[in-house]
Amino acid sequence: MNPMHLIPGRPRITLHWIDGWSVASQQQARRNAMIASTALAQRRAELDDVEEFLADLDAPSLIAEQVAAHG
């Protein structure tokens, strides 16, 4: 006698859970990827802002002024 026959509805519940698990897993992976992509885009934008700020400082003339002031 198969012990699964003793628990009515159990195989159906298990199969339903297995089918639902793959969908839920894929949805969670997609959410994680979107969050990571957003974080990376924000970081990239911040780095671009810093690069732009530093380029606007005109570093060579700042260095020359500092050398002239202390030398």
C-alpha atoms as a PDB file:
ATOM      1  CA  MET A   1       0.000   0.000   0.000  1.00  0.00           C
ATOM      2  CA  ASN A   2       1.305   3.433  -0.942  1.00  0.00           C
ATOM      3  CA  PRO A   3       1.433   5.697   2.165  1.00  0.00           C
ATOM      4  CA  MET A   4       0.471   8.723   0.043  1.00  0.00           C
ATOM      5  CA  HIS A   5      -3.045   7.251  -0.239  1.00  0.00           C
ATOM      6  CA  LEU A   6      -3.460   7.708   3.491  1.00  0.00           C
ATOM      7  CA  ILE A   7      -3.179  11.512   3.220  1.00  0.00           C
ATOM      8  CA  PRO A   8      -5.961  12.825   0.981  1.00  0.00           C
ATOM      9  CA  GLY A   9      -4.985  15.765  -1.215  1.00  0.00           C
ATOM     10  CA  ARG A  10      -1.332  15.696  -0.152  1.00  0.00           C
ATOM     11  CA  PRO A  11       0.165  14.900  -3.598  1.00  0.00           C
ATOM     12  CA  ARG A  12      -1.863  17.711  -5.150  1.00  0.00           C
ATOM     13  CA  ILE A  13      -0.671  20.198  -2.531  1.00  0.00           C
ATOM     14  CA  THR A  14       2.944  19.122  -3.047  1.00  0.00           C
ATOM     15  CA  LEU A  15       2.696  19.407  -6.837  1.00  0.00           C
ATOM     16  CA  HIS A  16       1.013  22.799  -6.516  1.00  0.00           C
ATOM     17  CA  TRP A  17       3.820  23.995  -4.214  1.00  0.00           C
ATOM     18  CA  ILE A  18       6.491  22.737  -6.620  1.00  0.00           C
ATOM     19  CA  ASP A  19       4.824  24.484  -9.561  1.00  0.00           C
ATOM     20  CA  GLY A  20       4.455  27.709  -7.576  1.00  0.00           C
ATOM     21  CA  TRP A  21       8.008  27.600  -6.262  1.00  0.00           C
ATOM     22  CA  SER A  22       9.580  27.969  -9.697  1.00  0.00           C
ATOM     23  CA  VAL A  23       7.449  31.017 -10.476  1.00  0.00           C
ATOM     24  CA  ALA A  24       8.104  32.615  -7.077  1.00  0.00           C
ATOM     25  CA  SER A  25      11.827  31.927  -7.375  1.00  0.00           C
ATOM     26  CA  GLN A  26      11.999  33.551 -10.810  1.00  0.00           C
ATOM     27  CA  GLN A  27      10.038  36.584  -9.605  1.00  0.00           C
ATOM     28  CA  GLN A  28      12.355  37.027  -6.608  1.00  0.00           C
ATOM     29  CA  ALA A  29      15.416  36.742  -8.850  1.00  0.00           C
ATOM     30  CA  ARG A  30      13.930  39.392 -11.142  1.00  0.00           C
ATOM     31  CA  ARG A  31      13.264  41.713  -8.170  1.00  0.00           C
ATOM     32  CA  ASN A  32      16.834  41.224  -6.938  1.00  0.00           C
ATOM     33  CA  ALA A  33      18.198  42.018 -10.398  1.00  0.00           C
ATOM     34  CA  MET A  34      16.118  45.213 -10.633  1.00  0.00           C
ATOM     35  CA  ILE A  35      17.293  46.365  -7.199  1.00  0.00           C
ATOM     36  CA  ALA A  36      20.926  45.658  -8.070  1.00  0.00           C
ATOM     37  CA  SER A  37      20.573  47.424 -11.414  1.00  0.00           C
ATOM     38  CA  THR A  38      19.078  50.496  -9.732  1.00  0.00           C
ATOM     39  CA  ALA A  39      21.867  50.580  -7.134  1.00  0.00           C
ATOM     40  CA  LEU A  40      24.519  50.292  -9.831  1.00  0.00           C
ATOM     41  CA  ALA A  41      22.903  53.046 -11.905  1.00  0.00           C
ATOM     42  CA  GLN A  42      22.825  55.349  -8.865  1.00  0.00           C
ATOM     43  CA  ARG A  43      26.468  54.607  -8.098  1.00  0.00           C
ATOM     44  CA  ARG A  44      27.421  55.235 -11.716  1.00  0.00           C
ATOM     45  CA  ALA A  45      25.578  58.579 -11.675  1.00  0.00           C
ATOM     46  CA  GLU A  46      27.381  59.579  -8.469  1.00  0.00           C
ATOM     47  CA  LEU A  47      30.767  58.692  -9.967  1.00  0.00           C
ATOM     48  CA  ASP A  48      29.937  60.702 -13.081  1.00  0.00           C
ATOM     49  CA  ASP A  49      28.987  63.675 -10.893  1.00  0.00           C
ATOM     50  CA  VAL A  50      32.283  63.451  -9.002  1.00  0.00           C
ATOM     51  CA  GLU A  51      34.278  63.205 -12.232  1.00  0.00           C
ATOM     52  CA  GLU A  52      32.456  66.231 -13.625  1.00  0.00           C
ATOM     53  CA  PHE A  53      33.012  68.200 -10.411  1.00  0.00           C
ATOM     54  CA  LEU A  54      36.725  67.414 -10.368  1.00  0.00           C
ATOM     55  CA  ALA A  55      37.083  68.287 -14.047  1.00  0.00           C
ATOM     56  CA  ASP A  56      35.384  71.646 -13.396  1.00  0.00           C
ATOM     57  CA  LEU A  57      37.861  72.470 -10.624  1.00  0.00           C
ATOM     58  CA  ASP A  58      40.617  73.041 -13.162  1.00  0.00           C
ATOM     59  CA  ALA A  59      43.114  71.064 -11.099  1.00  0.00           C
ATOM     60  CA  PRO A  60      46.332  72.211 -12.855  1.00  0.00           C
ATOM     61  CA  SER A  61      45.768  75.890 -11.973  1.00  0.00           C
ATOM     62  CA  LEU A  62      44.794  74.944  -8.409  1.00  0.00           C
ATOM     63  CA  ILE A  63      48.049  73.017  -8.018  1.00  0.00           C
ATOM     64  CA  ALA A  64      50.044  75.913  -9.482  1.00  0.00           C
ATOM     65  CA  GLU A  65      48.378  78.321  -7.028  1.00  0.00           C
ATOM     66  CA  GLN A  66      49.139  76.032  -4.089  1.00  0.00           C
ATOM     67  CA  VAL A  67      52.789  75.656  -5.147  1.00  0.00           C
ATOM     68  CA  ALA A  68      53.136  79.428  -5.596  1.00  0.00           C
ATOM     69  CA  ALA A  69      51.528  80.128  -2.220  1.00  0.00           C
ATOM     70  CA  HIS A  70      53.764  77.689  -0.322  1.00  0.00           C
ATOM     71  CA  GLY A  71      56.928  77.903  -2.318  1.00  0.00           C
END
